[in-house]
């Protein structure tokens, strides 16, 4: 994977947010003030991130919660 971040259409990212390398922020995601999304994580469409998201997880929902760890093979299916 490359050291990039992908942010989908209609995503809203508030102030003082940290997004780690190799993250995917899907369409319509909202990230509130002063939270961090860990390296290599995928935040699913429409999620609302109100607390820090750990590295290498799939996070979904309102509020966004990690549902499982991601592997290299997961990324081939997700993107």
N, C-alpha and C. Protein backbone atom coordinates (compact mmCIF):
# COMPACT_ATOMS: atom_id res chain seq x y z
N UNK A 1 0.83 -1.19 0.00
CA UNK A 1 0.00 0.00 0.00
C UNK A 1 0.88 1.25 0.00
N UNK A 2 0.33 2.31 -0.53
CA UNK A 2 1.03 3.57 -0.56
C UNK A 2 0.66 4.41 0.65
N UNK A 3 1.48 5.42 0.94
CA UNK A 3 1.20 6.32 2.06
C UNK A 3 0.30 7.46 1.60
N UNK A 4 -0.97 7.13 1.39
CA UNK A 4 -1.94 8.11 0.96
C UNK A 4 -3.21 7.97 1.79
N UNK A 5 -4.08 8.96 1.68
CA UNK A 5 -5.40 8.91 2.31
C UNK A 5 -6.41 9.19 1.23
N UNK A 6 -7.48 8.41 1.19
CA UNK A 6 -8.55 8.63 0.23
C UNK A 6 -9.77 9.11 1.00
N UNK A 7 -10.33 10.26 0.55
CA UNK A 7 -11.51 10.83 1.19
C UNK A 7 -12.62 10.89 0.15
N UNK A 8 -13.72 10.22 0.44
CA UNK A 8 -14.83 10.14 -0.49
C UNK A 8 -15.65 11.42 -0.56
N UNK A 9 -16.45 11.50 -1.60
CA UNK A 9 -17.32 12.63 -1.86
C UNK A 9 -18.27 12.87 -0.68
N UNK A 10 -18.44 14.13 -0.31
CA UNK A 10 -19.40 14.49 0.72
C UNK A 10 -18.93 14.22 2.14
N UNK A 11 -17.67 13.85 2.32
CA UNK A 11 -17.16 13.65 3.67
C UNK A 11 -16.94 15.01 4.33
N UNK A 12 -17.18 15.08 5.62
CA UNK A 12 -16.96 16.30 6.40
C UNK A 12 -15.94 15.99 7.47
N UNK A 13 -14.85 16.74 7.46
CA UNK A 13 -13.79 16.53 8.45
C UNK A 13 -13.63 17.83 9.23
N UNK A 14 -13.92 17.79 10.52
CA UNK A 14 -13.87 18.97 11.37
C UNK A 14 -12.42 19.32 11.71
N UNK A 15 -12.25 20.29 12.57
CA UNK A 15 -10.91 20.77 12.92
C UNK A 15 -10.15 19.88 13.88
N UNK A 16 -8.84 20.01 13.82
CA UNK A 16 -7.91 19.31 14.71
C UNK A 16 -8.10 17.79 14.65
N UNK A 17 -8.25 17.26 13.45
CA UNK A 17 -8.43 15.82 13.21
C UNK A 17 -7.13 15.26 12.65
N UNK A 18 -6.75 14.08 13.10
CA UNK A 18 -5.57 13.40 12.59
C UNK A 18 -6.02 12.14 11.85
N UNK A 19 -5.58 12.01 10.60
CA UNK A 19 -5.89 10.81 9.81
C UNK A 19 -4.57 10.17 9.41
N UNK A 20 -4.38 8.92 9.81
CA UNK A 20 -3.15 8.21 9.53
C UNK A 20 -2.99 7.86 8.06
N UNK A 21 -1.77 7.53 7.67
CA UNK A 21 -1.47 7.09 6.31
C UNK A 21 -2.31 5.87 5.94
N UNK A 22 -2.56 5.72 4.65
CA UNK A 22 -3.19 4.53 4.09
C UNK A 22 -4.61 4.31 4.59
N UNK A 23 -5.31 5.40 4.94
CA UNK A 23 -6.71 5.30 5.37
C UNK A 23 -7.65 5.53 4.19
N UNK A 24 -8.85 5.02 4.34
CA UNK A 24 -9.91 5.25 3.37
C UNK A 24 -11.10 5.79 4.15
N UNK A 25 -11.49 7.02 3.84
CA UNK A 25 -12.66 7.65 4.44
C UNK A 25 -13.74 7.65 3.36
N UNK A 26 -14.76 6.84 3.52
CA UNK A 26 -15.74 6.61 2.46
C UNK A 26 -16.70 7.80 2.32
N UNK A 27 -17.62 7.71 1.35
CA UNK A 27 -18.52 8.83 1.07
C UNK A 27 -19.44 9.13 2.25
N UNK A 28 -19.70 10.42 2.46
CA UNK A 28 -20.64 10.85 3.47
C UNK A 28 -20.21 10.67 4.90
N UNK A 29 -18.95 10.39 5.15
CA UNK A 29 -18.45 10.22 6.52
C UNK A 29 -18.33 11.59 7.18
N UNK A 30 -18.66 11.67 8.46
CA UNK A 30 -18.44 12.87 9.26
C UNK A 30 -17.44 12.52 10.35
N UNK A 31 -16.39 13.34 10.45
CA UNK A 31 -15.40 13.16 11.52
C UNK A 31 -15.44 14.42 12.37
N UNK A 32 -15.79 14.28 13.65
CA UNK A 32 -15.95 15.43 14.53
C UNK A 32 -14.59 15.94 15.04
N UNK A 33 -14.63 17.07 15.73
CA UNK A 33 -13.42 17.72 16.25
C UNK A 33 -12.59 16.81 17.14
N UNK A 34 -11.27 16.98 17.05
CA UNK A 34 -10.29 16.41 17.97
C UNK A 34 -10.33 14.89 18.10
N UNK A 35 -10.47 14.21 16.98
CA UNK A 35 -10.36 12.75 16.99
C UNK A 35 -9.28 12.31 16.01
N UNK A 36 -8.89 11.06 16.10
CA UNK A 36 -7.85 10.51 15.22
C UNK A 36 -8.35 9.21 14.60
N UNK A 37 -7.99 9.03 13.34
CA UNK A 37 -8.26 7.78 12.64
C UNK A 37 -6.90 7.13 12.42
N UNK A 38 -6.71 5.95 12.98
CA UNK A 38 -5.42 5.28 12.95
C UNK A 38 -5.02 4.81 11.56
N UNK A 39 -3.72 4.70 11.36
CA UNK A 39 -3.13 4.26 10.09
C UNK A 39 -3.78 2.97 9.60
N UNK A 40 -4.07 2.95 8.29
CA UNK A 40 -4.57 1.73 7.66
C UNK A 40 -6.00 1.38 7.96
N UNK A 41 -6.79 2.33 8.46
CA UNK A 41 -8.18 2.04 8.78
C UNK A 41 -9.11 2.45 7.65
N UNK A 42 -10.28 1.83 7.61
CA UNK A 42 -11.31 2.11 6.62
C UNK A 42 -12.56 2.52 7.38
N UNK A 43 -13.05 3.73 7.11
CA UNK A 43 -14.28 4.21 7.75
C UNK A 43 -15.39 4.13 6.70
N UNK A 44 -16.40 3.31 6.97
CA UNK A 44 -17.46 3.02 6.01
C UNK A 44 -18.39 4.18 5.75
N UNK A 45 -19.06 4.13 4.61
CA UNK A 45 -19.95 5.19 4.13
C UNK A 45 -20.97 5.60 5.19
N UNK A 46 -21.12 6.91 5.37
CA UNK A 46 -22.13 7.46 6.27
C UNK A 46 -21.80 7.39 7.74
N UNK A 47 -20.64 6.85 8.10
CA UNK A 47 -20.26 6.74 9.51
C UNK A 47 -20.03 8.13 10.11
N UNK A 48 -20.24 8.23 11.42
CA UNK A 48 -19.96 9.46 12.15
C UNK A 48 -18.92 9.12 13.22
N UNK A 49 -17.72 9.64 13.03
CA UNK A 49 -16.60 9.35 13.93
C UNK A 49 -16.59 10.39 15.05
N UNK A 50 -16.88 9.93 16.27
CA UNK A 50 -16.91 10.82 17.44
C UNK A 50 -15.81 10.51 18.44
N UNK A 51 -15.15 9.36 18.27
CA UNK A 51 -14.05 8.93 19.13
C UNK A 51 -12.93 8.39 18.26
N UNK A 52 -11.72 8.32 18.81
CA UNK A 52 -10.58 7.81 18.06
C UNK A 52 -10.85 6.41 17.52
N UNK A 53 -10.36 6.18 16.30
CA UNK A 53 -10.45 4.86 15.66
C UNK A 53 -9.04 4.27 15.65
N UNK A 54 -8.85 3.05 16.14
CA UNK A 54 -7.51 2.44 16.17
C UNK A 54 -6.98 2.15 14.76
N UNK A 55 -5.72 1.75 14.69
CA UNK A 55 -5.09 1.39 13.42
C UNK A 55 -5.66 0.09 12.87
N UNK A 56 -5.68 0.01 11.52
CA UNK A 56 -5.98 -1.24 10.80
C UNK A 56 -7.31 -1.89 11.15
N UNK A 57 -8.37 -1.07 11.23
CA UNK A 57 -9.69 -1.62 11.51
C UNK A 57 -10.71 -1.12 10.49
N UNK A 58 -11.81 -1.84 10.37
CA UNK A 58 -12.98 -1.40 9.64
C UNK A 58 -13.91 -0.80 10.68
N UNK A 59 -14.28 0.48 10.49
CA UNK A 59 -15.18 1.15 11.43
C UNK A 59 -16.42 1.61 10.68
N UNK A 60 -17.59 1.34 11.26
CA UNK A 60 -18.86 1.70 10.63
C UNK A 60 -19.85 2.14 11.70
N UNK A 61 -20.90 2.82 11.25
CA UNK A 61 -22.01 3.13 12.14
C UNK A 61 -22.06 4.57 12.62
N UNK A 62 -23.15 4.84 13.37
CA UNK A 62 -23.38 6.15 13.96
C UNK A 62 -23.67 5.91 15.43
N UNK A 63 -22.72 6.16 16.30
CA UNK A 63 -21.35 6.59 16.04
C UNK A 63 -20.51 5.43 15.52
N UNK A 64 -19.44 5.78 14.82
CA UNK A 64 -18.55 4.77 14.23
C UNK A 64 -17.86 3.94 15.32
N UNK A 65 -17.87 2.64 15.11
CA UNK A 65 -17.20 1.71 16.02
C UNK A 65 -16.40 0.71 15.19
N UNK A 66 -15.23 0.32 15.66
CA UNK A 66 -14.47 -0.72 14.96
C UNK A 66 -15.23 -2.04 15.02
N UNK A 67 -15.37 -2.70 13.86
CA UNK A 67 -16.07 -3.99 13.84
C UNK A 67 -15.11 -5.16 13.68
N UNK A 68 -13.94 -4.89 13.07
CA UNK A 68 -12.93 -5.96 12.99
C UNK A 68 -11.62 -5.40 12.48
N UNK A 69 -10.57 -6.17 12.70
CA UNK A 69 -9.24 -5.84 12.17
C UNK A 69 -9.23 -6.08 10.67
N UNK A 70 -8.41 -5.31 9.95
CA UNK A 70 -8.25 -5.48 8.51
C UNK A 70 -6.94 -6.17 8.19
N UNK A 71 -6.97 -7.01 7.16
CA UNK A 71 -5.77 -7.67 6.68
C UNK A 71 -5.46 -7.16 5.28
N UNK A 72 -4.31 -7.52 4.75
CA UNK A 72 -3.95 -7.14 3.38
C UNK A 72 -4.99 -7.64 2.38
N UNK A 73 -5.48 -8.86 2.57
CA UNK A 73 -6.45 -9.40 1.63
C UNK A 73 -7.79 -8.67 1.71
N UNK A 74 -8.13 -8.11 2.87
CA UNK A 74 -9.34 -7.31 2.99
C UNK A 74 -9.29 -6.10 2.07
N UNK A 75 -8.13 -5.47 1.99
CA UNK A 75 -8.00 -4.27 1.16
C UNK A 75 -8.27 -4.56 -0.30
N UNK A 76 -7.94 -5.76 -0.76
CA UNK A 76 -8.20 -6.12 -2.15
C UNK A 76 -9.69 -6.17 -2.44
N UNK A 77 -10.49 -6.52 -1.44
CA UNK A 77 -11.94 -6.57 -1.61
C UNK A 77 -12.60 -5.21 -1.36
N UNK A 78 -12.04 -4.42 -0.47
CA UNK A 78 -12.64 -3.14 -0.11
C UNK A 78 -12.46 -2.05 -1.17
N UNK A 79 -11.32 -2.08 -1.86
CA UNK A 79 -11.08 -0.99 -2.82
C UNK A 79 -10.93 -1.47 -4.22
